[in-house]
């Protein structure tokens, strides 16, 4: 079964959890911040782990090749540490939320303070999700889960015109019909 690890709680993480459960994922949300999670009503079927996501991710067997790790808190203490651990695993999808500018700054910070290599940085989807012009937490979560599913299904994005590897119909290659 595919697994989604949500590194920290936010309204986007909540929406991702709901989408992922409907898509058949095992969903685990890790967040040690009691002040953030105390009053949250968790969706049925989701597992909540009150610890730093990086600690959970580092546990043997928590991340496999069918695991996606998604960080959407905007808190570098949670997001960056999760990314630093996730790149050491076989997780098939690793992503963190932020603008292009924030993502560039994060990549530099992960190189400098996290000691990540270029190959490790390149494993991280940042900004996370498909570029749908999303604005609301639900729209952002939809873009994230669509990208997670795209990777899970072996599709490789080549921009807004379509998909390259694994494309199974000529209509995709021909572009949108009008």
Protein backbone atom coordinates (compact mmCIF):
# COMPACT_ATOMS: atom_id res chain seq x y z
CA UNK A 1 0.00 0.00 0.00
CA UNK A 2 1.21 3.49 -0.83
CA UNK A 3 1.98 5.64 2.19
CA UNK A 4 1.89 9.40 2.70
CA UNK A 5 3.89 10.91 5.54
CA UNK A 6 2.77 14.44 6.30
CA UNK A 7 5.61 16.27 8.03
CA UNK A 8 3.73 18.64 10.31
CA UNK A 9 0.15 19.86 10.54
CA UNK A 10 -1.35 22.76 8.57
CA UNK A 11 -4.63 23.37 6.76
CA UNK A 12 -2.90 22.12 3.59
CA UNK A 13 -1.75 18.95 5.41
CA UNK A 14 -5.31 18.39 6.58
CA UNK A 15 -6.63 18.63 3.01
CA UNK A 16 -3.81 16.39 1.74
CA UNK A 17 -4.76 13.77 4.34
CA UNK A 18 -8.37 13.74 3.17
CA UNK A 19 -7.42 13.45 -0.52
CA UNK A 20 -4.81 10.76 0.21
CA UNK A 21 -7.23 8.64 2.24
CA UNK A 22 -9.74 8.77 -0.62
CA UNK A 23 -6.93 7.71 -3.00
CA UNK A 24 -6.21 4.66 -0.83
CA UNK A 25 -3.01 5.84 0.84
CA UNK A 26 -1.97 4.91 4.35
CA UNK A 27 -1.64 8.38 5.91
CA UNK A 28 0.64 9.26 8.82
CA UNK A 29 0.88 12.82 10.14
CA UNK A 30 3.78 13.65 12.48
CA UNK A 31 3.87 16.84 14.51
CA UNK A 32 5.24 17.39 18.03
CA UNK A 33 3.59 20.82 18.44
CA UNK A 34 0.84 20.21 20.97
CA UNK A 35 -0.25 23.85 20.73
CA UNK A 36 -0.99 23.29 17.03
CA UNK A 37 -2.50 19.80 17.14
CA UNK A 38 -4.40 19.72 20.47
CA UNK A 39 -7.80 20.70 19.06
CA UNK A 40 -7.52 19.06 15.62
CA UNK A 41 -10.10 16.42 14.69
CA UNK A 42 -8.13 13.82 12.73
CA UNK A 43 -9.77 12.15 9.75
CA UNK A 44 -10.81 8.56 10.30
CA UNK A 45 -8.13 6.20 9.03
CA UNK A 46 -5.21 8.61 9.52
CA UNK A 47 -2.48 7.90 12.05
CA UNK A 48 -1.23 10.82 14.17
CA UNK A 49 2.29 10.55 15.63
CA UNK A 50 3.17 13.31 18.14
CA UNK A 51 6.88 13.48 17.33
CA UNK A 52 9.21 15.35 15.02
CA UNK A 53 8.64 14.10 11.47
CA UNK A 54 12.40 13.78 10.96
CA UNK A 55 12.61 11.33 13.87
CA UNK A 56 9.74 9.24 12.48
CA UNK A 57 11.18 9.28 8.95
CA UNK A 58 14.56 8.12 10.29
CA UNK A 59 13.07 5.01 11.93
CA UNK A 60 13.95 1.81 10.06
CA UNK A 61 11.27 0.78 7.58
CA UNK A 62 9.12 3.92 7.85
CA UNK A 63 9.92 5.01 4.28
CA UNK A 64 9.87 2.61 1.36
CA UNK A 65 9.82 3.11 -2.39
CA UNK A 66 6.02 3.47 -2.16
CA UNK A 67 6.23 6.31 0.39
CA UNK A 68 5.68 10.00 -0.28
CA UNK A 69 6.98 12.55 2.23
CA UNK A 70 5.26 15.94 2.13
CA UNK A 71 6.15 18.95 4.31
CA UNK A 72 3.70 21.85 4.29
CA UNK A 73 4.12 23.80 7.54
CA UNK A 74 6.27 26.76 6.39
CA UNK A 75 8.32 26.07 9.55
CA UNK A 76 11.94 25.32 8.58
CA UNK A 77 12.52 23.59 11.92
CA UNK A 78 10.01 20.95 10.83
CA UNK A 79 10.17 21.09 7.02
CA UNK A 80 13.96 21.28 6.59
CA UNK A 81 14.72 18.54 9.11
CA UNK A 82 12.12 16.30 7.44
CA UNK A 83 13.71 16.89 4.01
CA UNK A 84 17.20 16.16 5.39
CA UNK A 85 16.01 12.77 6.65
CA UNK A 86 13.72 11.94 3.72
CA UNK A 87 16.51 12.17 1.12
CA UNK A 88 18.33 9.40 2.99
CA UNK A 89 15.40 7.03 2.38
CA UNK A 90 14.03 5.23 -0.70
CA UNK A 91 10.88 7.42 -0.63
CA UNK A 92 9.58 7.86 -4.17
CA UNK A 93 8.30 11.40 -3.62
CA UNK A 94 9.76 14.08 -1.36
CA UNK A 95 8.31 17.57 -1.45
CA UNK A 96 8.14 20.78 0.52
CA UNK A 97 5.85 23.79 0.20
CA UNK A 98 7.10 27.26 -0.60
CA UNK A 99 7.36 29.81 -3.38
CA UNK A 100 10.12 29.60 -5.98
CA UNK A 101 12.09 32.21 -4.02
CA UNK A 102 11.59 30.33 -0.73
CA UNK A 103 12.56 27.09 -2.48
CA UNK A 104 15.82 28.59 -3.76
CA UNK A 105 16.63 29.85 -0.26
CA UNK A 106 15.72 26.45 1.23
CA UNK A 107 17.95 24.61 -1.26
CA UNK A 108 20.88 26.88 -0.35
CA UNK A 109 20.18 26.38 3.38
CA UNK A 110 19.95 22.58 2.96
CA UNK A 111 23.30 22.58 1.13
CA UNK A 112 24.95 24.87 3.67
CA UNK A 113 23.58 23.70 7.02
CA UNK A 114 22.17 20.30 6.12
CA UNK A 115 25.15 19.15 4.07
CA UNK A 116 22.89 17.89 1.27
CA UNK A 117 24.44 17.10 -2.09
CA UNK A 118 23.06 18.33 -5.42
CA UNK A 119 21.65 14.85 -6.07
CA UNK A 120 19.82 14.95 -2.73
CA UNK A 121 18.49 18.47 -3.38
CA UNK A 122 17.24 17.37 -6.81
CA UNK A 123 15.14 14.61 -5.18
CA UNK A 124 13.08 17.25 -3.39
CA UNK A 125 10.07 18.66 -5.24
CA UNK A 126 10.17 22.35 -4.41
CA UNK A 127 7.95 24.12 -4.94
CA UNK A 128 5.77 21.11 -4.31
CA UNK A 129 2.85 20.02 -6.49
CA UNK A 130 1.68 20.59 -10.03
CA UNK A 131 1.56 24.23 -11.12
CA UNK A 132 -2.23 24.70 -11.17
CA UNK A 133 -2.26 28.26 -9.90
CA UNK A 134 -3.63 26.99 -6.59
CA UNK A 135 -4.61 29.53 -3.94
CA UNK A 136 -6.69 27.81 -1.23
CA UNK A 137 -5.50 25.00 1.07
CA UNK A 138 -7.74 22.50 -0.79
CA UNK A 139 -6.42 23.63 -4.19
CA UNK A 140 -2.82 23.40 -2.98
CA UNK A 141 -3.48 19.93 -1.56
CA UNK A 142 -5.06 18.86 -4.85
CA UNK A 143 -1.94 20.03 -6.74
CA UNK A 144 0.30 18.18 -4.26
CA UNK A 145 -1.62 14.92 -4.37
CA UNK A 146 -1.90 15.08 -8.17
CA UNK A 147 1.90 15.38 -8.35
CA UNK A 148 2.38 12.55 -5.85
CA UNK A 149 0.04 10.38 -7.94
CA UNK A 150 1.83 11.41 -11.18
CA UNK A 151 5.13 10.17 -9.75
CA UNK A 152 3.53 7.03 -8.33
CA UNK A 153 2.12 6.18 -11.77
CA UNK A 154 5.50 6.70 -13.44
CA UNK A 155 4.65 9.87 -15.36
CA UNK A 156 7.48 12.32 -15.93
CA UNK A 157 6.47 15.93 -16.36
CA UNK A 158 7.93 17.83 -19.31
CA UNK A 159 6.09 21.08 -18.72
CA UNK A 160 2.60 22.28 -19.44
CA UNK A 161 2.32 20.52 -22.82
CA UNK A 162 2.07 16.97 -21.56
CA UNK A 163 4.04 14.06 -20.24
CA UNK A 164 6.98 12.19 -21.62
CA UNK A 165 7.93 8.81 -20.22
CA UNK A 166 5.08 6.38 -19.74
CA UNK A 167 2.56 8.37 -21.78
CA UNK A 168 0.16 5.81 -23.13
CA UNK A 169 -1.89 7.69 -25.66
CA UNK A 170 -1.15 9.81 -28.69
CA UNK A 171 -3.57 12.52 -27.55
CA UNK A 172 -1.19 13.50 -24.75
CA UNK A 173 1.69 13.84 -27.18
CA UNK A 174 -0.46 15.76 -29.68
CA UNK A 175 -1.41 18.34 -27.08
CA UNK A 176 -4.80 19.67 -26.06
CA UNK A 177 -7.66 19.45 -28.54
CA UNK A 178 -9.62 22.58 -29.23
